[in-house]
Amino acid sequence: MSDSEFEEFEDVFPLRDDSRFREWKSQLETLPPSSVVSIREAVADGPDGRRMRDVQLVTERLPILEVKDNVPKIGERVVLLAEIDGVYVGFCISSPGPQDSAPLFIQEVGVVPNARGRGIGMALLCAAAEREPWRNIAFATEDNNDGAHALNKKFAKSIGASIGKVPLDTYRDSDFNIQRGRGYRAWVINRPPSER
């Protein structure tokens, strides 16, 4: 798609004038308290690029990209979308390393504030890991992101794996989709040998 073809999916600013964004925010506020989370692979098109953008807009610590920049990311990596009753509530971006011995790199996990505490982050991580069952899992988190640290430890424990720090230069910054010098620490979840 050309840049002009993405225009219909971009936000209208101010956001209070964007009817799609307002409708989605309203749906988030009325999510049923107990509901099933579904995970699906994103499609490299304008609607899913917009879904990613909306989540980026309301979720702290995620880079905010235009739809035209999210769509190629969907095509180059594995992007999983989480939904509750058809309302998108989060996503996970992962990328398997180039060699079979390389880990699966978890590059971003984002869950909107209204949907936290429902196991969505864990469901996204599990779905990404299930796609690459023989690989260890590597990621980088900011030192002060306590929520991410807790989720990653819980995830490692749930799959019977160990988690440990590795030197940041063990892998390329692009594998993690990070910029050096921003307080990131690299981690690897080593799956049990019987699992690999």
N, C-alpha and C. Protein backbone atom coordinates (compact mmCIF):
# COMPACT_ATOMS: atom_id res chain seq x y z
N MET A 1 0.84 -1.18 0.00
CA MET A 1 0.00 0.00 0.00
C MET A 1 0.88 1.24 0.00
N SER A 2 0.45 2.26 -0.67
CA SER A 2 1.19 3.52 -0.68
C SER A 2 0.81 4.33 0.56
N ASP A 3 1.62 5.35 0.87
CA ASP A 3 1.34 6.19 2.03
C ASP A 3 -0.06 6.77 1.98
N SER A 4 -0.50 7.17 0.81
CA SER A 4 -1.83 7.77 0.69
C SER A 4 -2.94 6.76 1.00
N GLU A 5 -2.69 5.48 0.73
CA GLU A 5 -3.70 4.46 1.02
C GLU A 5 -3.85 4.21 2.52
N PHE A 6 -2.84 4.59 3.30
CA PHE A 6 -2.93 4.42 4.76
C PHE A 6 -3.66 5.58 5.41
N GLU A 7 -3.80 6.68 4.71
CA GLU A 7 -4.39 7.89 5.30
C GLU A 7 -5.74 7.63 5.95
N GLU A 8 -6.57 6.79 5.32
CA GLU A 8 -7.91 6.56 5.89
C GLU A 8 -7.85 5.84 7.24
N PHE A 9 -6.71 5.21 7.57
CA PHE A 9 -6.59 4.49 8.82
C PHE A 9 -5.86 5.29 9.91
N GLU A 10 -5.24 6.40 9.52
CA GLU A 10 -4.51 7.21 10.50
C GLU A 10 -5.49 7.92 11.43
N ASP A 11 -5.00 8.33 12.58
CA ASP A 11 -5.82 9.03 13.56
C ASP A 11 -6.21 10.41 13.06
N VAL A 12 -7.30 10.90 13.61
CA VAL A 12 -7.71 12.28 13.44
C VAL A 12 -7.35 12.99 14.73
N PHE A 13 -6.65 14.10 14.62
CA PHE A 13 -6.26 14.83 15.82
C PHE A 13 -7.03 16.14 15.90
N PRO A 14 -7.45 16.55 17.09
CA PRO A 14 -7.27 15.85 18.36
C PRO A 14 -8.08 14.56 18.39
N LEU A 15 -7.63 13.61 19.20
CA LEU A 15 -8.24 12.27 19.23
C LEU A 15 -9.72 12.32 19.60
N ARG A 16 -10.15 13.35 20.32
CA ARG A 16 -11.57 13.43 20.67
C ARG A 16 -12.44 13.59 19.41
N ASP A 17 -11.81 13.99 18.29
CA ASP A 17 -12.52 14.12 17.02
C ASP A 17 -12.43 12.86 16.16
N ASP A 18 -11.74 11.85 16.64
CA ASP A 18 -11.57 10.60 15.89
C ASP A 18 -12.66 9.62 16.36
N SER A 19 -13.68 9.43 15.54
CA SER A 19 -14.82 8.60 15.95
C SER A 19 -14.42 7.15 16.19
N ARG A 20 -13.49 6.60 15.39
CA ARG A 20 -13.07 5.20 15.59
C ARG A 20 -12.35 5.04 16.92
N PHE A 21 -11.48 5.99 17.24
CA PHE A 21 -10.75 5.93 18.50
C PHE A 21 -11.71 6.06 19.68
N ARG A 22 -12.66 7.00 19.59
CA ARG A 22 -13.63 7.19 20.68
C ARG A 22 -14.48 5.94 20.88
N GLU A 23 -14.90 5.32 19.77
CA GLU A 23 -15.73 4.11 19.88
C GLU A 23 -14.93 2.98 20.55
N TRP A 24 -13.67 2.81 20.14
CA TRP A 24 -12.83 1.77 20.73
C TRP A 24 -12.63 2.02 22.23
N LYS A 25 -12.33 3.27 22.59
CA LYS A 25 -12.14 3.60 24.01
C LYS A 25 -13.41 3.30 24.81
N SER A 26 -14.56 3.56 24.23
CA SER A 26 -15.83 3.28 24.88
C SER A 26 -16.00 1.77 25.07
N GLN A 27 -15.61 0.99 24.06
CA GLN A 27 -15.69 -0.47 24.19
C GLN A 27 -14.76 -0.97 25.30
N LEU A 28 -13.59 -0.36 25.42
CA LEU A 28 -12.66 -0.76 26.48
C LEU A 28 -13.25 -0.54 27.86
N GLU A 29 -13.99 0.54 27.99
CA GLU A 29 -14.56 0.89 29.30
C GLU A 29 -15.70 -0.04 29.70
N THR A 30 -16.25 -0.78 28.75
CA THR A 30 -17.38 -1.67 29.05
C THR A 30 -17.03 -3.14 28.84
N LEU A 31 -15.73 -3.48 28.90
CA LEU A 31 -15.34 -4.89 28.77
C LEU A 31 -15.98 -5.70 29.89
N PRO A 32 -16.53 -6.87 29.56
CA PRO A 32 -17.10 -7.70 30.62
C PRO A 32 -16.01 -8.13 31.60
N PRO A 33 -16.36 -8.22 32.90
CA PRO A 33 -15.33 -8.54 33.90
C PRO A 33 -14.67 -9.90 33.70
N SER A 34 -15.41 -10.91 33.31
CA SER A 34 -14.81 -12.22 33.07
C SER A 34 -15.11 -12.61 31.63
N SER A 35 -14.07 -12.75 30.87
CA SER A 35 -14.26 -13.09 29.47
C SER A 35 -13.02 -13.79 28.95
N VAL A 36 -13.17 -14.43 27.82
CA VAL A 36 -12.09 -15.20 27.22
C VAL A 36 -11.25 -14.29 26.33
N VAL A 37 -9.94 -14.45 26.45
CA VAL A 37 -9.01 -13.71 25.60
C VAL A 37 -8.71 -14.57 24.38
N SER A 38 -8.83 -13.99 23.21
CA SER A 38 -8.45 -14.72 22.00
C SER A 38 -7.21 -14.04 21.41
N ILE A 39 -6.35 -14.85 20.82
CA ILE A 39 -5.10 -14.38 20.23
C ILE A 39 -5.13 -14.76 18.76
N ARG A 40 -4.80 -13.81 17.91
CA ARG A 40 -4.71 -14.11 16.48
C ARG A 40 -3.50 -13.40 15.89
N GLU A 41 -3.02 -13.93 14.78
CA GLU A 41 -1.91 -13.29 14.09
C GLU A 41 -2.43 -12.08 13.32
N ALA A 42 -1.73 -10.96 13.45
CA ALA A 42 -2.12 -9.74 12.75
C ALA A 42 -1.90 -9.90 11.25
N VAL A 43 -2.68 -9.16 10.49
CA VAL A 43 -2.57 -9.12 9.03
C VAL A 43 -1.89 -7.81 8.66
N ALA A 44 -1.00 -7.85 7.71
CA ALA A 44 -0.27 -6.64 7.30
C ALA A 44 -1.17 -5.75 6.45
N ASP A 45 -2.14 -5.13 7.11
CA ASP A 45 -3.05 -4.23 6.41
C ASP A 45 -3.37 -3.03 7.29
N GLY A 46 -4.09 -2.08 6.72
CA GLY A 46 -4.41 -0.85 7.43
C GLY A 46 -5.19 -1.06 8.72
N PRO A 47 -6.24 -1.89 8.74
CA PRO A 47 -6.99 -2.07 9.98
C PRO A 47 -6.14 -2.60 11.14
N ASP A 48 -5.29 -3.61 10.91
CA ASP A 48 -4.47 -4.12 12.01
C ASP A 48 -3.34 -3.15 12.36
N GLY A 49 -2.83 -2.43 11.37
CA GLY A 49 -1.86 -1.37 11.67
C GLY A 49 -2.47 -0.31 12.56
N ARG A 50 -3.74 0.01 12.33
CA ARG A 50 -4.46 0.98 13.17
C ARG A 50 -4.70 0.40 14.56
N ARG A 51 -5.03 -0.88 14.65
CA ARG A 51 -5.23 -1.49 15.97
C ARG A 51 -3.95 -1.39 16.80
N MET A 52 -2.82 -1.66 16.18
CA MET A 52 -1.54 -1.52 16.89
C MET A 52 -1.34 -0.08 17.34
N ARG A 53 -1.61 0.85 16.45
CA ARG A 53 -1.43 2.29 16.76
C ARG A 53 -2.30 2.70 17.95
N ASP A 54 -3.55 2.26 17.97
CA ASP A 54 -4.42 2.62 19.08
C ASP A 54 -3.87 2.10 20.41
N VAL A 55 -3.41 0.84 20.41
CA VAL A 55 -2.83 0.28 21.63
C VAL A 55 -1.59 1.06 22.03
N GLN A 56 -0.76 1.41 21.05
CA GLN A 56 0.44 2.20 21.33
C GLN A 56 0.09 3.55 21.96
N LEU A 57 -0.98 4.16 21.51
CA LEU A 57 -1.37 5.47 22.02
C LEU A 57 -1.76 5.46 23.49
N VAL A 58 -2.34 4.37 23.97
CA VAL A 58 -2.85 4.35 25.35
C VAL A 58 -1.99 3.53 26.31
N THR A 59 -0.93 2.91 25.80
CA THR A 59 -0.09 2.05 26.63
C THR A 59 1.27 2.71 26.83
N GLU A 60 1.60 2.99 28.07
CA GLU A 60 2.89 3.62 28.34
C GLU A 60 4.03 2.69 27.97
N ARG A 61 5.17 3.27 27.66
CA ARG A 61 6.42 2.59 27.33
C ARG A 61 6.48 1.99 25.93
N LEU A 62 5.41 2.07 25.16
CA LEU A 62 5.47 1.57 23.79
C LEU A 62 5.77 2.72 22.83
N PRO A 63 6.63 2.48 21.84
CA PRO A 63 6.82 3.52 20.83
C PRO A 63 5.53 3.68 20.02
N ILE A 64 5.19 4.90 19.70
CA ILE A 64 3.98 5.18 18.93
C ILE A 64 4.38 5.38 17.48
N LEU A 65 3.88 4.49 16.62
CA LEU A 65 4.19 4.55 15.20
C LEU A 65 2.93 4.87 14.40
N GLU A 66 3.12 5.45 13.25
CA GLU A 66 1.99 5.67 12.36
C GLU A 66 1.57 4.34 11.76
N VAL A 67 0.34 4.28 11.29
CA VAL A 67 -0.17 3.05 10.69
C VAL A 67 0.74 2.59 9.57
N LYS A 68 1.19 3.52 8.74
CA LYS A 68 2.05 3.16 7.60
C LYS A 68 3.38 2.55 8.05
N ASP A 69 3.79 2.76 9.30
CA ASP A 69 5.01 2.15 9.82
C ASP A 69 4.72 0.83 10.56
N ASN A 70 3.51 0.70 11.11
CA ASN A 70 3.14 -0.55 11.77
C ASN A 70 2.92 -1.68 10.78
N VAL A 71 2.33 -1.37 9.64
CA VAL A 71 1.98 -2.43 8.67
C VAL A 71 3.22 -3.19 8.18
N PRO A 72 4.31 -2.52 7.78
CA PRO A 72 5.49 -3.30 7.38
C PRO A 72 6.06 -4.12 8.54
N LYS A 73 5.94 -3.61 9.76
CA LYS A 73 6.42 -4.37 10.93
C LYS A 73 5.66 -5.68 11.04
N ILE A 74 4.34 -5.64 10.77
CA ILE A 74 3.53 -6.85 10.81
C ILE A 74 4.03 -7.84 9.75
N GLY A 75 4.41 -7.33 8.59
CA GLY A 75 4.88 -8.19 7.51
C GLY A 75 6.25 -8.78 7.76
N GLU A 76 7.09 -8.09 8.55
CA GLU A 76 8.47 -8.53 8.78
C GLU A 76 8.63 -9.40 10.02
N ARG A 77 7.72 -9.28 10.97
CA ARG A 77 7.83 -10.00 12.24
C ARG A 77 6.53 -10.73 12.51
N VAL A 78 6.49 -11.42 13.64
CA VAL A 78 5.24 -12.05 14.04
C VAL A 78 4.56 -11.11 15.03
N VAL A 79 3.40 -10.63 14.65
CA VAL A 79 2.62 -9.75 15.51
C VAL A 79 1.34 -10.49 15.87
N LEU A 80 1.14 -10.68 17.16
CA LEU A 80 -0.07 -11.33 17.66
C LEU A 80 -0.94 -10.27 18.33
N LEU A 81 -2.23 -10.29 18.02
CA LEU A 81 -3.19 -9.37 18.62
C LEU A 81 -4.05 -10.12 19.62
N ALA A 82 -4.29 -9.49 20.76
CA ALA A 82 -5.18 -10.05 21.77
C ALA A 82 -6.51 -9.30 21.72
N GLU A 83 -7.59 -10.05 21.81
CA GLU A 83 -8.92 -9.46 21.77
C GLU A 83 -9.79 -10.09 22.86
N ILE A 84 -10.70 -9.29 23.37
CA ILE A 84 -11.75 -9.75 24.28
C ILE A 84 -13.07 -9.37 23.64
N ASP A 85 -13.88 -10.36 23.36
CA ASP A 85 -15.18 -10.11 22.71
C ASP A 85 -15.06 -9.21 21.49
N GLY A 86 -14.03 -9.44 20.68
CA GLY A 86 -13.83 -8.68 19.46
C GLY A 86 -13.21 -7.31 19.64
N VAL A 87 -12.89 -6.94 20.87
CA VAL A 87 -12.26 -5.64 21.15
C VAL A 87 -10.77 -5.88 21.34
N TYR A 88 -9.94 -5.23 20.56
CA TYR A 88 -8.50 -5.45 20.67
C TYR A 88 -7.96 -4.76 21.92
N VAL A 89 -7.12 -5.52 22.65
CA VAL A 89 -6.66 -5.05 23.96
C VAL A 89 -5.15 -5.14 24.13
N GLY A 90 -4.43 -5.67 23.15
CA GLY A 90 -2.98 -5.75 23.28
C GLY A 90 -2.35 -6.44 22.10
N PHE A 91 -1.02 -6.42 22.10
CA PHE A 91 -0.29 -7.11 21.05
C PHE A 91 1.09 -7.51 21.55
N CYS A 92 1.69 -8.44 20.81
CA CYS A 92 3.05 -8.90 21.07
C CYS A 92 3.77 -8.97 19.73
N ILE A 93 4.99 -8.44 19.71
CA ILE A 93 5.83 -8.53 18.51
C ILE A 93 7.00 -9.43 18.83
N SER A 94 7.23 -10.44 18.00
CA SER A 94 8.36 -11.34 18.21
C SER A 94 9.03 -11.61 16.87
N SER A 95 10.25 -12.12 16.98
CA SER A 95 11.01 -12.43 15.77
C SER A 95 11.99 -13.55 16.08
N PRO A 96 11.90 -14.68 15.37
CA PRO A 96 12.88 -15.74 15.59
C PRO A 96 14.24 -15.32 15.06
N GLY A 97 15.29 -15.70 15.78
CA GLY A 97 16.64 -15.40 15.32
C GLY A 97 16.93 -16.07 13.98
N PRO A 98 17.97 -15.61 13.28
CA PRO A 98 18.23 -16.11 11.93
C PRO A 98 18.68 -17.57 11.86
N GLN A 99 19.35 -18.06 12.89
CA GLN A 99 19.78 -19.47 12.90
C GLN A 99 18.85 -20.27 13.82
N ASP A 100 18.82 -21.58 13.58
CA ASP A 100 17.98 -22.45 14.41
C ASP A 100 18.38 -22.40 15.87
N SER A 101 19.65 -22.14 16.14
CA SER A 101 20.13 -22.10 17.53
C SER A 101 19.87 -20.75 18.20
N ALA A 102 19.44 -19.77 17.44
CA ALA A 102 19.18 -18.44 18.00
C ALA A 102 17.84 -18.44 18.73
N PRO A 103 17.67 -17.55 19.69
CA PRO A 103 16.41 -17.52 20.43
C PRO A 103 15.29 -16.84 19.66
N LEU A 104 14.11 -16.95 20.22
CA LEU A 104 12.97 -16.15 19.79
C LEU A 104 13.09 -14.82 20.54
N PHE A 105 13.10 -13.72 19.81
CA PHE A 105 13.21 -12.41 20.43
C PHE A 105 11.82 -11.82 20.61
N ILE A 106 11.47 -11.55 21.86
CA ILE A 106 10.23 -10.85 22.17
C ILE A 106 10.58 -9.37 22.16
N GLN A 107 10.01 -8.63 21.22
CA GLN A 107 10.40 -7.23 21.05
C GLN A 107 9.47 -6.25 21.75
N GLU A 108 8.20 -6.55 21.81
CA GLU A 108 7.25 -5.68 22.51
C GLU A 108 6.08 -6.50 22.98
N VAL A 109 5.58 -6.16 24.16
CA VAL A 109 4.31 -6.68 24.65
C VAL A 109 3.58 -5.47 25.23
N GLY A 110 2.38 -5.24 24.75
CA GLY A 110 1.59 -4.12 25.26
C GLY A 110 0.17 -4.54 25.52
N VAL A 111 -0.34 -4.17 26.69
CA VAL A 111 -1.74 -4.43 27.05
C VAL A 111 -2.33 -3.12 27.54
N VAL A 112 -3.50 -2.77 27.02
CA VAL A 112 -4.12 -1.51 27.40
C VAL A 112 -4.48 -1.52 28.89
N PRO A 113 -4.39 -0.37 29.56
CA PRO A 113 -4.65 -0.32 31.01
C PRO A 113 -6.00 -0.91 31.42
N ASN A 114 -7.06 -0.67 30.64
CA ASN A 114 -8.39 -1.16 31.02
C ASN A 114 -8.49 -2.68 31.06
N ALA A 115 -7.55 -3.37 30.43
CA ALA A 115 -7.64 -4.83 30.32
C ALA A 115 -6.57 -5.56 31.13
N ARG A 116 -5.80 -4.85 31.91
CA ARG A 116 -4.74 -5.51 32.68
C ARG A 116 -5.32 -6.33 33.82
N GLY A 117 -4.52 -7.30 34.27
CA GLY A 117 -4.95 -8.17 35.36
C GLY A 117 -5.82 -9.32 34.90
N ARG A 118 -5.89 -9.55 33.60
CA ARG A 118 -6.71 -10.64 33.05
C ARG A 118 -5.86 -11.74 32.42
N GLY A 119 -4.54 -11.65 32.54
CA GLY A 119 -3.67 -12.66 31.97
C GLY A 119 -3.38 -12.47 30.49
N ILE A 120 -3.62 -11.28 29.97
CA ILE A 120 -3.44 -11.05 28.53
C ILE A 120 -1.96 -11.07 28.15
N GLY A 121 -1.12 -10.41 28.94
CA GLY A 121 0.32 -10.42 28.66
C GLY A 121 0.85 -11.85 28.65
N MET A 122 0.44 -12.64 29.62
CA MET A 122 0.86 -14.04 29.70
C MET A 122 0.36 -14.83 28.49
N ALA A 123 -0.89 -14.60 28.10
CA ALA A 123 -1.46 -15.31 26.94
C ALA A 123 -0.69 -14.96 25.67
N LEU A 124 -0.31 -13.70 25.51
CA LEU A 124 0.46 -13.29 24.34
C LEU A 124 1.84 -13.95 24.33
N LEU A 125 2.52 -13.95 25.48
CA LEU A 125 3.84 -14.58 25.56
C LEU A 125 3.75 -16.08 25.27
N CYS A 126 2.76 -16.73 25.84
CA CYS A 126 2.59 -18.18 25.61
C CYS A 126 2.32 -18.47 24.13
N ALA A 127 1.48 -17.66 23.51
CA ALA A 127 1.17 -17.87 22.08
C ALA A 127 2.41 -17.67 21.22
N ALA A 128 3.22 -16.66 21.54
CA ALA A 128 4.46 -16.43 20.78
C ALA A 128 5.42 -17.61 20.97
N ALA A 129 5.56 -18.07 22.21
CA ALA A 129 6.48 -19.16 22.51
C ALA A 129 6.04 -20.47 21.86
N GLU A 130 4.75 -20.71 21.80
CA GLU A 130 4.24 -21.93 21.19
C GLU A 130 4.57 -22.01 19.70
N ARG A 131 4.74 -20.88 19.07
CA ARG A 131 5.07 -20.86 17.63
C ARG A 131 6.51 -21.30 17.38
N GLU A 132 7.36 -21.19 18.39
CA GLU A 132 8.78 -21.56 18.27
C GLU A 132 9.17 -22.42 19.48
N PRO A 133 8.62 -23.62 19.58
CA PRO A 133 8.78 -24.41 20.81
C PRO A 133 10.19 -24.88 21.12
N TRP A 134 11.10 -24.83 20.15
CA TRP A 134 12.45 -25.34 20.39
C TRP A 134 13.45 -24.24 20.72
N ARG A 135 13.02 -23.02 20.68
CA ARG A 135 13.95 -21.91 20.90
C ARG A 135 13.88 -21.39 22.34
N ASN A 136 15.04 -20.94 22.84
CA ASN A 136 15.04 -20.14 24.05
C ASN A 136 14.40 -18.81 23.70
N ILE A 137 14.13 -17.99 24.70
CA ILE A 137 13.40 -16.74 24.48
C ILE A 137 14.23 -15.60 25.06
N ALA A 138 14.52 -14.60 24.24
CA ALA A 138 15.32 -13.46 24.68
C ALA A 138 14.51 -12.18 24.56
N PHE A 139 14.78 -11.24 25.45
CA PHE A 139 14.09 -9.96 25.44
C PHE A 139 14.91 -8.96 26.21
N ALA A 140 14.59 -7.70 26.06
CA ALA A 140 15.26 -6.65 26.81
C ALA A 140 14.19 -5.79 27.47
N THR A 141 14.42 -5.45 28.73
CA THR A 141 13.47 -4.61 29.45
C THR A 141 14.23 -3.46 30.09
N GLU A 142 13.52 -2.37 30.28
CA GLU A 142 14.11 -1.25 31.01
C GLU A 142 14.26 -1.66 32.47
N ASP A 143 15.35 -1.23 33.09
CA ASP A 143 15.62 -1.61 34.48
C ASP A 143 14.47 -1.27 35.42
N ASN A 144 13.77 -0.17 35.16
CA ASN A 144 12.73 0.28 36.08
C ASN A 144 11.33 -0.19 35.69
N ASN A 145 11.22 -1.13 34.78
CA ASN A 145 9.90 -1.63 34.37
C ASN A 145 9.54 -2.86 35.20
N ASP A 146 9.07 -2.60 36.41
CA ASP A 146 8.76 -3.69 37.34
C ASP A 146 7.68 -4.62 36.82
N GLY A 147 6.68 -4.08 36.12
CA GLY A 147 5.61 -4.91 35.59
C GLY A 147 6.13 -5.92 34.58
N ALA A 148 7.03 -5.49 33.69
CA ALA A 148 7.60 -6.40 32.70
C ALA A 148 8.46 -7.46 33.38
N HIS A 149 9.23 -7.06 34.38
CA HIS A 149 10.08 -8.03 35.09
C HIS A 149 9.21 -9.11 35.75
N ALA A 150 8.14 -8.68 36.41
CA ALA A 150 7.26 -9.65 37.08
C ALA A 150 6.61 -10.59 36.06
N LEU A 151 6.13 -10.04 34.94
CA LEU A 151 5.50 -10.87 33.92
C LEU A 151 6.49 -11.88 33.35
N ASN A 152 7.71 -11.45 33.06
CA ASN A 152 8.70 -12.35 32.47
C ASN A 152 9.08 -13.47 33.42
N LYS A 153 9.23 -13.16 34.70
CA LYS A 153 9.55 -14.20 35.69
C LYS A 153 8.40 -15.20 35.81
N LYS A 154 7.19 -14.67 35.84
CA LYS A 154 6.01 -15.54 35.94
C LYS A 154 5.90 -16.42 34.70
N PHE A 155 6.16 -15.84 33.53
CA PHE A 155 6.10 -16.61 32.29
C PHE A 155 7.15 -17.72 32.29
N ALA A 156 8.39 -17.39 32.67
CA ALA A 156 9.46 -18.40 32.70
C ALA A 156 9.06 -19.55 33.62
N LYS A 157 8.54 -19.20 34.79
CA LYS A 157 8.13 -20.24 35.75
C LYS A 157 7.01 -21.10 35.18
N SER A 158 6.08 -20.47 34.45
CA SER A 158 4.93 -21.21 33.92
C SER A 158 5.34 -22.25 32.88
N ILE A 159 6.46 -22.03 32.21
CA ILE A 159 6.91 -23.01 31.21
C ILE A 159 8.06 -23.86 31.75
N GLY A 160 8.31 -23.78 33.07
CA GLY A 160 9.33 -24.61 33.69
C GLY A 160 10.73 -24.26 33.25
N ALA A 161 10.97 -22.98 32.97
CA ALA A 161 12.27 -22.55 32.45
C ALA A 161 12.97 -21.63 33.45
N SER A 162 14.25 -21.46 33.23
CA SER A 162 15.02 -20.53 34.06
C SER A 162 15.19 -19.22 33.29
N ILE A 163 15.33 -18.15 34.05
CA ILE A 163 15.51 -16.84 33.45
C ILE A 163 16.77 -16.21 34.03
N GLY A 164 17.54 -15.57 33.18
CA GLY A 164 18.77 -14.95 33.67
C GLY A 164 19.21 -13.79 32.78
N LYS A 165 19.99 -12.93 33.37
CA LYS A 165 20.54 -11.79 32.64
C LYS A 165 21.63 -12.27 31.70
N VAL A 166 21.76 -11.59 30.59
CA VAL A 166 22.88 -11.81 29.67
C VAL A 166 23.43 -10.44 29.31
N PRO A 167 24.70 -10.36 28.95
CA PRO A 167 25.24 -9.06 28.53
C PRO A 167 24.43 -8.52 27.34
N LEU A 168 24.15 -7.23 27.36
CA LEU A 168 23.33 -6.62 26.33
C LEU A 168 23.91 -6.85 24.94
N ASP A 169 25.25 -6.91 24.83
CA ASP A 169 25.84 -7.10 23.51
C ASP A 169 25.93 -8.56 23.08
N THR A 170 25.26 -9.45 23.81
CA THR A 170 25.18 -10.85 23.38
C THR A 170 24.43 -10.96 22.06
N TYR A 171 23.44 -10.10 21.89
CA TYR A 171 22.64 -10.07 20.68
C TYR A 171 22.65 -8.65 20.12
N ARG A 172 22.21 -8.51 18.88
CA ARG A 172 22.15 -7.18 18.26
C ARG A 172 20.99 -6.37 18.84
N ASP A 173 21.16 -5.07 18.94
CA ASP A 173 20.07 -4.21 19.41
C ASP A 173 18.84 -4.38 18.53
N SER A 174 19.04 -4.57 17.23
CA SER A 174 17.91 -4.73 16.32
C SER A 174 17.11 -6.01 16.60
N ASP A 175 17.78 -7.03 17.17
CA ASP A 175 17.05 -8.25 17.55
C ASP A 175 16.00 -7.94 18.61
N PHE A 176 16.35 -7.01 19.51
CA PHE A 176 15.43 -6.61 20.58
C PHE A 176 14.54 -5.44 20.19
N ASN A 177 14.88 -4.78 19.09
CA ASN A 177 14.19 -3.56 18.67
C ASN A 177 14.34 -2.47 19.73
N ILE A 178 15.59 -2.27 20.19
CA ILE A 178 15.87 -1.25 21.20
C ILE A 178 16.97 -0.32 20.71
N GLN A 179 17.12 0.77 21.44
CA GLN A 179 18.24 1.68 21.22
C GLN A 179 19.13 1.62 22.46
N ARG A 180 20.41 1.41 22.24
CA ARG A 180 21.37 1.34 23.34
C ARG A 180 21.39 2.67 24.11
N GLY A 181 21.68 2.59 25.40
CA GLY A 181 21.81 3.79 26.22
C GLY A 181 20.51 4.27 26.84
N ARG A 182 19.47 3.45 26.76
CA ARG A 182 18.17 3.86 27.32
C ARG A 182 17.79 3.03 28.55
N GLY A 183 18.79 2.42 29.17
CA GLY A 183 18.53 1.70 30.42
C GLY A 183 17.96 0.31 30.25
N TYR A 184 18.28 -0.35 29.14
CA TYR A 184 17.77 -1.71 28.92
C TYR A 184 18.72 -2.74 29.50
N ARG A 185 18.15 -3.86 29.91
CA ARG A 185 18.91 -5.03 30.33
C ARG A 185 18.39 -6.21 29.54
N ALA A 186 19.31 -7.06 29.09
CA ALA A 186 18.93 -8.23 28.28
C ALA A 186 18.74 -9.45 29.18
N TRP A 187 17.78 -10.27 28.81
CA TRP A 187 17.43 -11.48 29.55
C TRP A 187 17.25 -12.62 28.57
N VAL A 188 17.44 -13.83 29.07
CA VAL A 188 17.12 -15.00 28.26
C VAL A 188 16.40 -16.01 29.14
N ILE A 189 15.37 -16.59 28.58
CA ILE A 189 14.65 -17.69 29.24
C ILE A 189 15.15 -18.95 28.57
N ASN A 190 15.83 -19.76 29.36
CA ASN A 190 16.37 -21.03 28.85
C ASN A 190 15.38 -22.14 29.09
N ARG A 191 14.84 -22.63 28.00
CA ARG A 191 13.87 -23.73 28.13
C ARG A 191 14.59 -25.00 28.55
N PRO A 192 13.91 -25.84 29.30
CA PRO A 192 14.52 -27.11 29.69
C PRO A 192 14.91 -27.93 28.47
N PRO A 193 16.04 -28.64 28.53
CA PRO A 193 16.49 -29.43 27.37
C PRO A 193 15.41 -30.38 26.84
N SER A 194 14.60 -30.94 27.73
CA SER A 194 13.56 -31.87 27.28
C SER A 194 12.49 -31.17 26.46
N GLU A 195 12.38 -29.85 26.62
CA GLU A 195 11.38 -29.08 25.87
C GLU A 195 11.90 -28.71 24.49
N ARG A 196 13.24 -28.71 24.32
CA ARG A 196 13.80 -28.22 23.07
C ARG A 196 14.13 -29.34 22.12
